[in-house]
PDB file of N, CA and C in Angstrom:
ATOM      1  N   MET A   1       0.833  -1.186   0.000  1.00  0.00           N
ATOM      2  CA  MET A   1       0.000   0.000   0.000  1.00  0.00           C
ATOM      3  C   MET A   1       0.878   1.250   0.000  1.00  0.00           C
ATOM      4  N   THR A   2       0.456   2.244  -0.732  1.00  0.00           N
ATOM      5  CA  THR A   2       1.169   3.520  -0.694  1.00  0.00           C
ATOM      6  C   THR A   2       0.845   4.234   0.615  1.00  0.00           C
ATOM      7  N   ASP A   3       1.654   5.219   0.954  1.00  0.00           N
ATOM      8  CA  ASP A   3       1.393   5.981   2.178  1.00  0.00           C
ATOM      9  C   ASP A   3       0.038   6.670   2.125  1.00  0.00           C
ATOM     10  N   ASP A   4      -0.341   7.194   0.953  1.00  0.00           N
ATOM     11  CA  ASP A   4      -1.649   7.848   0.828  1.00  0.00           C
ATOM     12  C   ASP A   4      -2.799   6.873   1.087  1.00  0.00           C
ATOM     13  N   VAL A   5      -2.674   5.665   0.574  1.00  0.00           N
ATOM     14  CA  VAL A   5      -3.710   4.652   0.797  1.00  0.00           C
ATOM     15  C   VAL A   5      -3.747   4.256   2.272  1.00  0.00           C
ATOM     16  N   LYS A   6      -2.588   4.144   2.893  1.00  0.00           N
ATOM     17  CA  LYS A   6      -2.544   3.822   4.326  1.00  0.00           C
ATOM     18  C   LYS A   6      -3.235   4.908   5.148  1.00  0.00           C
ATOM     19  N   ARG A   7      -2.959   6.168   4.812  1.00  0.00           N
ATOM     20  CA  ARG A   7      -3.594   7.271   5.538  1.00  0.00           C
ATOM     21  C   ARG A   7      -5.110   7.239   5.378  1.00  0.00           C
ATOM     22  N   LEU A   8      -5.549   7.058   4.144  1.00  0.00           N
ATOM     23  CA  LEU A   8      -6.989   7.033   3.879  1.00  0.00           C
ATOM     24  C   LEU A   8      -7.651   5.843   4.571  1.00  0.00           C
ATOM     25  N   THR A   9      -6.997   4.701   4.580  1.00  0.00           N
ATOM     26  CA  THR A   9      -7.532   3.515   5.248  1.00  0.00           C
ATOM     27  C   THR A   9      -7.632   3.731   6.755  1.00  0.00           C
ATOM     28  N   LEU A  10      -6.604   4.319   7.336  1.00  0.00           N
ATOM     29  CA  LEU A  10      -6.642   4.599   8.769  1.00  0.00           C
ATOM     30  C   LEU A  10      -7.759   5.576   9.100  1.00  0.00           C
ATOM     31  N   LEU A  11      -7.893   6.641   8.313  1.00  0.00           N
ATOM     32  CA  LEU A  11      -8.975   7.595   8.544  1.00  0.00           C
ATOM     33  C   LEU A  11     -10.328   6.908   8.402  1.00  0.00           C
ATOM     34  N   HIS A  12     -10.464   6.047   7.417  1.00  0.00           N
ATOM     35  CA  HIS A  12     -11.706   5.293   7.199  1.00  0.00           C
ATOM     36  C   HIS A  12     -12.082   4.521   8.463  1.00  0.00           C
ATOM     37  N   GLU A  13     -11.122   3.826   9.036  1.00  0.00           N
ATOM     38  CA  GLU A  13     -11.391   3.032  10.234  1.00  0.00           C
ATOM     39  C   GLU A  13     -11.671   3.917  11.448  1.00  0.00           C
ATOM     40  N   VAL A  14     -10.978   5.053  11.539  1.00  0.00           N
ATOM     41  CA  VAL A  14     -11.257   6.001  12.624  1.00  0.00           C
ATOM     42  C   VAL A  14     -12.689   6.518  12.508  1.00  0.00           C
ATOM     43  N   LEU A  15     -13.138   6.776  11.300  1.00  0.00           N
ATOM     44  CA  LEU A  15     -14.515   7.250  11.102  1.00  0.00           C
ATOM     45  C   LEU A  15     -15.531   6.177  11.498  1.00  0.00           C
ATOM     46  N   HIS A  16     -15.224   4.910  11.197  1.00  0.00           N
ATOM     47  CA  HIS A  16     -16.104   3.830  11.667  1.00  0.00           C
ATOM     48  C   HIS A  16     -16.189   3.856  13.197  1.00  0.00           C
ATOM     49  N   ALA A  17     -15.047   4.012  13.849  1.00  0.00           N
ATOM     50  CA  ALA A  17     -15.029   4.052  15.312  1.00  0.00           C
ATOM     51  C   ALA A  17     -15.811   5.257  15.831  1.00  0.00           C
ATOM     52  N   ALA A  18     -15.644   6.404  15.199  1.00  0.00           N
ATOM     53  CA  ALA A  18     -16.375   7.599  15.619  1.00  0.00           C
ATOM     54  C   ALA A  18     -17.872   7.398  15.436  1.00  0.00           C
ATOM     55  N   LEU A  19     -18.281   6.804  14.341  1.00  0.00           N
ATOM     56  CA  LEU A  19     -19.701   6.536  14.110  1.00  0.00           C
ATOM     57  C   LEU A  19     -20.254   5.607  15.186  1.00  0.00           C
ATOM     58  N   GLU A  20     -19.474   4.602  15.552  1.00  0.00           N
ATOM     59  CA  GLU A  20     -19.890   3.667  16.602  1.00  0.00           C
ATOM     60  C   GLU A  20     -20.092   4.399  17.926  1.00  0.00           C
ATOM     61  N   VAL A  21     -19.170   5.308  18.250  1.00  0.00           N
ATOM     62  CA  VAL A  21     -19.275   6.060  19.498  1.00  0.00           C
ATOM     63  C   VAL A  21     -20.470   7.022  19.455  1.00  0.00           C
ATOM     64  N   MET A  22     -20.658   7.684  18.327  1.00  0.00           N
ATOM     65  CA  MET A  22     -21.727   8.687  18.208  1.00  0.00           C
ATOM     66  C   MET A  22     -23.111   8.061  18.138  1.00  0.00           C
ATOM     67  N   ALA A  23     -23.229   6.988  17.393  1.00  0.00           N
ATOM     68  CA  ALA A  23     -24.562   6.466  17.096  1.00  0.00           C
ATOM     69  C   ALA A  23     -24.764   5.036  17.557  1.00  0.00           C
ATOM     70  N   GLY A  24     -23.805   4.484  18.276  1.00  0.00           N
ATOM     71  CA  GLY A  24     -23.884   3.060  18.557  1.00  0.00           C
ATOM     72  C   GLY A  24     -23.671   2.338  17.240  1.00  0.00           C
ATOM     73  N   SER A  25     -24.062   1.133  17.164  1.00  0.00           N
ATOM     74  CA  SER A  25     -23.971   0.437  15.889  1.00  0.00           C
ATOM     75  C   SER A  25     -25.266   0.704  15.144  1.00  0.00           C
ATOM     76  N   PRO A  26     -25.233   1.615  14.165  1.00  0.00           N
ATOM     77  CA  PRO A  26     -26.495   1.939  13.493  1.00  0.00           C
ATOM     78  C   PRO A  26     -27.108   0.698  12.873  1.00  0.00           C
ATOM     79  N   ASP A  27     -28.386   0.508  13.098  1.00  0.00           N
ATOM     80  CA  ASP A  27     -29.013  -0.697  12.550  1.00  0.00           C
ATOM     81  C   ASP A  27     -29.776  -0.425  11.268  1.00  0.00           C
ATOM     82  N   TRP A  28     -29.904   0.842  10.900  1.00  0.00           N
ATOM     83  CA  TRP A  28     -30.583   1.189   9.657  1.00  0.00           C
ATOM     84  C   TRP A  28     -31.822   0.294   9.494  1.00  0.00           C
ATOM     85  N   ASP A  29     -32.740   0.401  10.455  1.00  0.00           N
ATOM     86  CA  ASP A  29     -33.896  -0.493  10.568  1.00  0.00           C
ATOM     87  C   ASP A  29     -34.610  -0.799   9.256  1.00  0.00           C
ATOM     88  N   ASP A  30     -34.607   0.142   8.352  1.00  0.00           N
ATOM     89  CA  ASP A  30     -35.354  -0.059   7.115  1.00  0.00           C
ATOM     90  C   ASP A  30     -34.623  -0.931   6.097  1.00  0.00           C
ATOM     91  N   LEU A  31     -33.430  -1.402   6.434  1.00  0.00           N
ATOM     92  CA  LEU A  31     -32.636  -2.154   5.469  1.00  0.00           C
ATOM     93  C   LEU A  31     -32.376  -3.575   5.932  1.00  0.00           C
ATOM     94  N   ASP A  32     -32.195  -4.475   4.965  1.00  0.00           N
ATOM     95  CA  ASP A  32     -31.800  -5.837   5.324  1.00  0.00           C
ATOM     96  C   ASP A  32     -30.345  -5.790   5.816  1.00  0.00           C
ATOM     97  N   PRO A  33     -29.871  -6.818   6.526  1.00  0.00           N
ATOM     98  CA  PRO A  33     -28.530  -6.783   7.132  1.00  0.00           C
ATOM     99  C   PRO A  33     -27.398  -6.464   6.156  1.00  0.00           C
ATOM    100  N   LYS A  34     -27.429  -7.028   4.951  1.00  0.00           N
ATOM    101  CA  LYS A  34     -26.352  -6.743   3.993  1.00  0.00           C
ATOM    102  C   LYS A  34     -26.389  -5.270   3.583  1.00  0.00           C
ATOM    103  N   SER A  35     -27.561  -4.737   3.362  1.00  0.00           N
ATOM    104  CA  SER A  35     -27.690  -3.330   2.993  1.00  0.00           C
ATOM    105  C   SER A  35     -27.289  -2.416   4.135  1.00  0.00           C
ATOM    106  N   GLN A  36     -27.486  -2.867   5.383  1.00  0.00           N
ATOM    107  CA  GLN A  36     -27.082  -2.065   6.539  1.00  0.00           C
ATOM    108  C   GLN A  36     -25.586  -1.808   6.504  1.00  0.00           C
ATOM    109  N   LYS A  37     -24.792  -2.830   6.260  1.00  0.00           N
ATOM    110  CA  LYS A  37     -23.339  -2.685   6.197  1.00  0.00           C
ATOM    111  C   LYS A  37     -22.956  -1.811   5.014  1.00  0.00           C
ATOM    112  N   ASN A  38     -23.618  -1.992   3.894  1.00  0.00           N
ATOM    113  CA  ASN A  38     -23.341  -1.171   2.716  1.00  0.00           C
ATOM    114  C   ASN A  38     -23.645   0.302   2.988  1.00  0.00           C
ATOM    115  N   ARG A  39     -24.700   0.572   3.732  1.00  0.00           N
ATOM    116  CA  ARG A  39     -25.069   1.956   4.037  1.00  0.00           C
ATOM    117  C   ARG A  39     -23.985   2.614   4.875  1.00  0.00           C
ATOM    118  N   GLU A  40     -23.500   1.918   5.893  1.00  0.00           N
ATOM    119  CA  GLU A  40     -22.445   2.484   6.722  1.00  0.00           C
ATOM    120  C   GLU A  40     -21.192   2.742   5.886  1.00  0.00           C
ATOM    121  N   GLU A  41     -20.816   1.808   5.041  1.00  0.00           N
ATOM    122  CA  GLU A  41     -19.652   2.001   4.179  1.00  0.00           C
ATOM    123  C   GLU A  41     -19.849   3.207   3.271  1.00  0.00           C
ATOM    124  N   THR A  42     -21.035   3.374   2.732  1.00  0.00           N
ATOM    125  CA  THR A  42     -21.320   4.515   1.860  1.00  0.00           C
ATOM    126  C   THR A  42     -21.174   5.826   2.618  1.00  0.00           C
ATOM    127  N   VAL A  43     -21.706   5.876   3.835  1.00  0.00           N
ATOM    128  CA  VAL A  43     -21.605   7.084   4.647  1.00  0.00           C
ATOM    129  C   VAL A  43     -20.142   7.407   4.916  1.00  0.00           C
ATOM    130  N   ILE A  44     -19.358   6.415   5.328  1.00  0.00           N
ATOM    131  CA  ILE A  44     -17.950   6.635   5.651  1.00  0.00           C
ATOM    132  C   ILE A  44     -17.171   7.040   4.401  1.00  0.00           C
ATOM    133  N   ARG A  45     -17.363   6.321   3.315  1.00  0.00           N
ATOM    134  CA  ARG A  45     -16.617   6.610   2.090  1.00  0.00           C
ATOM    135  C   ARG A  45     -16.970   7.979   1.507  1.00  0.00           C
ATOM    136  N   THR A  46     -18.179   8.454   1.771  1.00  0.00           N
ATOM    137  CA  THR A  46     -18.603   9.745   1.244  1.00  0.00           C
ATOM    138  C   THR A  46     -17.745  10.883   1.763  1.00  0.00           C
ATOM    139  N   PHE A  47     -17.339  10.804   3.029  1.00  0.00           N
ATOM    140  CA  PHE A  47     -16.567  11.933   3.529  1.00  0.00           C
ATOM    141  C   PHE A  47     -15.155  11.623   3.984  1.00  0.00           C
ATOM    142  N   GLU A  48     -14.667  10.393   3.775  1.00  0.00           N
ATOM    143  CA  GLU A  48     -13.287  10.103   4.172  1.00  0.00           C
ATOM    144  C   GLU A  48     -12.270  10.885   3.338  1.00  0.00           C
ATOM    145  N   SER A  49     -12.418  10.881   2.047  1.00  0.00           N
ATOM    146  CA  SER A  49     -11.448  11.557   1.188  1.00  0.00           C
ATOM    147  C   SER A  49     -11.517  13.077   1.319  1.00  0.00           C
ATOM    148  N   PRO A  50     -12.711  13.686   1.276  1.00  0.00           N
ATOM    149  CA  PRO A  50     -12.750  15.137   1.469  1.00  0.00           C
ATOM    150  C   PRO A  50     -12.211  15.561   2.832  1.00  0.00           C
ATOM    151  N   LEU A  51     -12.486  14.797   3.868  1.00  0.00           N
ATOM    152  CA  LEU A  51     -11.991  15.137   5.194  1.00  0.00           C
ATOM    153  C   LEU A  51     -10.472  15.069   5.236  1.00  0.00           C
ATOM    154  N   LEU A  52      -9.895  14.019   4.679  1.00  0.00           N
ATOM    155  CA  LEU A  52      -8.448  13.904   4.660  1.00  0.00           C
ATOM    156  C   LEU A  52      -7.821  15.058   3.872  1.00  0.00           C
ATOM    157  N   THR A  53      -8.423  15.409   2.766  1.00  0.00           N
ATOM    158  CA  THR A  53      -7.924  16.528   1.961  1.00  0.00           C
ATOM    159  C   THR A  53      -7.970  17.833   2.749  1.00  0.00           C
ATOM    160  N   ILE A  54      -9.065  18.078   3.436  1.00  0.00           N
ATOM    161  CA  ILE A  54      -9.186  19.286   4.264  1.00  0.00           C
ATOM    162  C   ILE A  54      -8.086  19.322   5.310  1.00  0.00           C
ATOM    163  N   LEU A  55      -7.862  18.214   5.984  1.00  0.00           N
ATOM    164  CA  LEU A  55      -6.839  18.155   7.025  1.00  0.00           C
ATOM    165  C   LEU A  55      -5.442  18.343   6.445  1.00  0.00           C
ATOM    166  N   GLN A  56      -5.178  17.724   5.300  1.00  0.00           N
ATOM    167  CA  GLN A  56      -3.855  17.833   4.689  1.00  0.00           C
ATOM    168  C   GLN A  56      -3.569  19.241   4.171  1.00  0.00           C
ATOM    169  N   GLN A  57      -4.586  19.902   3.659  1.00  0.00           N
ATOM    170  CA  GLN A  57      -4.389  21.211   3.055  1.00  0.00           C
ATOM    171  C   GLN A  57      -4.508  22.364   4.053  1.00  0.00           C
ATOM    172  N   ASN A  58      -4.824  22.053   5.286  1.00  0.00           N
ATOM    173  CA  ASN A  58      -5.019  23.091   6.291  1.00  0.00           C
ATOM    174  C   ASN A  58      -4.312  22.742   7.596  1.00  0.00           C
ATOM    175  N   PRO A  59      -2.986  22.738   7.578  1.00  0.00           N
ATOM    176  CA  PRO A  59      -2.260  22.384   8.795  1.00  0.00           C
ATOM    177  C   PRO A  59      -2.549  23.325   9.961  1.00  0.00           C
ATOM    178  N   ASP A  60      -2.839  24.593   9.674  1.00  0.00           N
ATOM    179  CA  ASP A  60      -3.178  25.520  10.757  1.00  0.00           C
ATOM    180  C   ASP A  60      -4.486  25.108  11.428  1.00  0.00           C
ATOM    181  N   LEU A  61      -5.414  24.613  10.655  1.00  0.00           N
ATOM    182  CA  LEU A  61      -6.675  24.120  11.212  1.00  0.00           C
ATOM    183  C   LEU A  61      -6.414  22.927  12.116  1.00  0.00           C
ATOM    184  N   VAL A  62      -5.589  21.996  11.675  1.00  0.00           N
ATOM    185  CA  VAL A  62      -5.252  20.825  12.484  1.00  0.00           C
ATOM    186  C   VAL A  62      -4.577  21.250  13.784  1.00  0.00           C
ATOM    187  N   THR A  63      -3.643  22.171  13.679  1.00  0.00           N
ATOM    188  CA  THR A  63      -2.962  22.668  14.869  1.00  0.00           C
ATOM    189  C   THR A  63      -3.956  23.317  15.830  1.00  0.00           C
ATOM    190  N   TYR A  64      -4.841  24.127  15.293  1.00  0.00           N
ATOM    191  CA  TYR A  64      -5.846  24.787  16.125  1.00  0.00           C
ATOM    192  C   TYR A  64      -6.765  23.757  16.789  1.00  0.00           C
ATOM    193  N   LEU A  65      -7.241  22.786  16.021  1.00  0.00           N
ATOM    194  CA  LEU A  65      -8.170  21.789  16.555  1.00  0.00           C
ATOM    195  C   LEU A  65      -7.532  20.865  17.577  1.00  0.00           C
ATOM    196  N   THR A  66      -6.254  20.631  17.461  1.00  0.00           N
ATOM    197  CA  THR A  66      -5.601  19.663  18.342  1.00  0.00           C
ATOM    198  C   THR A  66      -4.775  20.326  19.452  1.00  0.00           C
ATOM    199  N   SER A  67      -4.843  21.642  19.552  1.00  0.00           N
ATOM    200  CA  SER A  67      -4.064  22.315  20.597  1.00  0.00           C
ATOM    201  C   SER A  67      -4.858  22.447  21.892  1.00  0.00           C
TER     202      SER A  67
END
């Protein structure tokens, strides 16, 4: 894996963990079990790349948020 892919994968997994903490394990009641997992993946994948880009392009923001 390239370093960029490793970073994106790590962020992806961190977002799964954050979703678990924020919402518990979402059950997406209206969906069958396979679709439930697909929905969570879609939600995470939708903002993993833009979020990583924002963080990479705004080091002052990262410093401010983590200080």
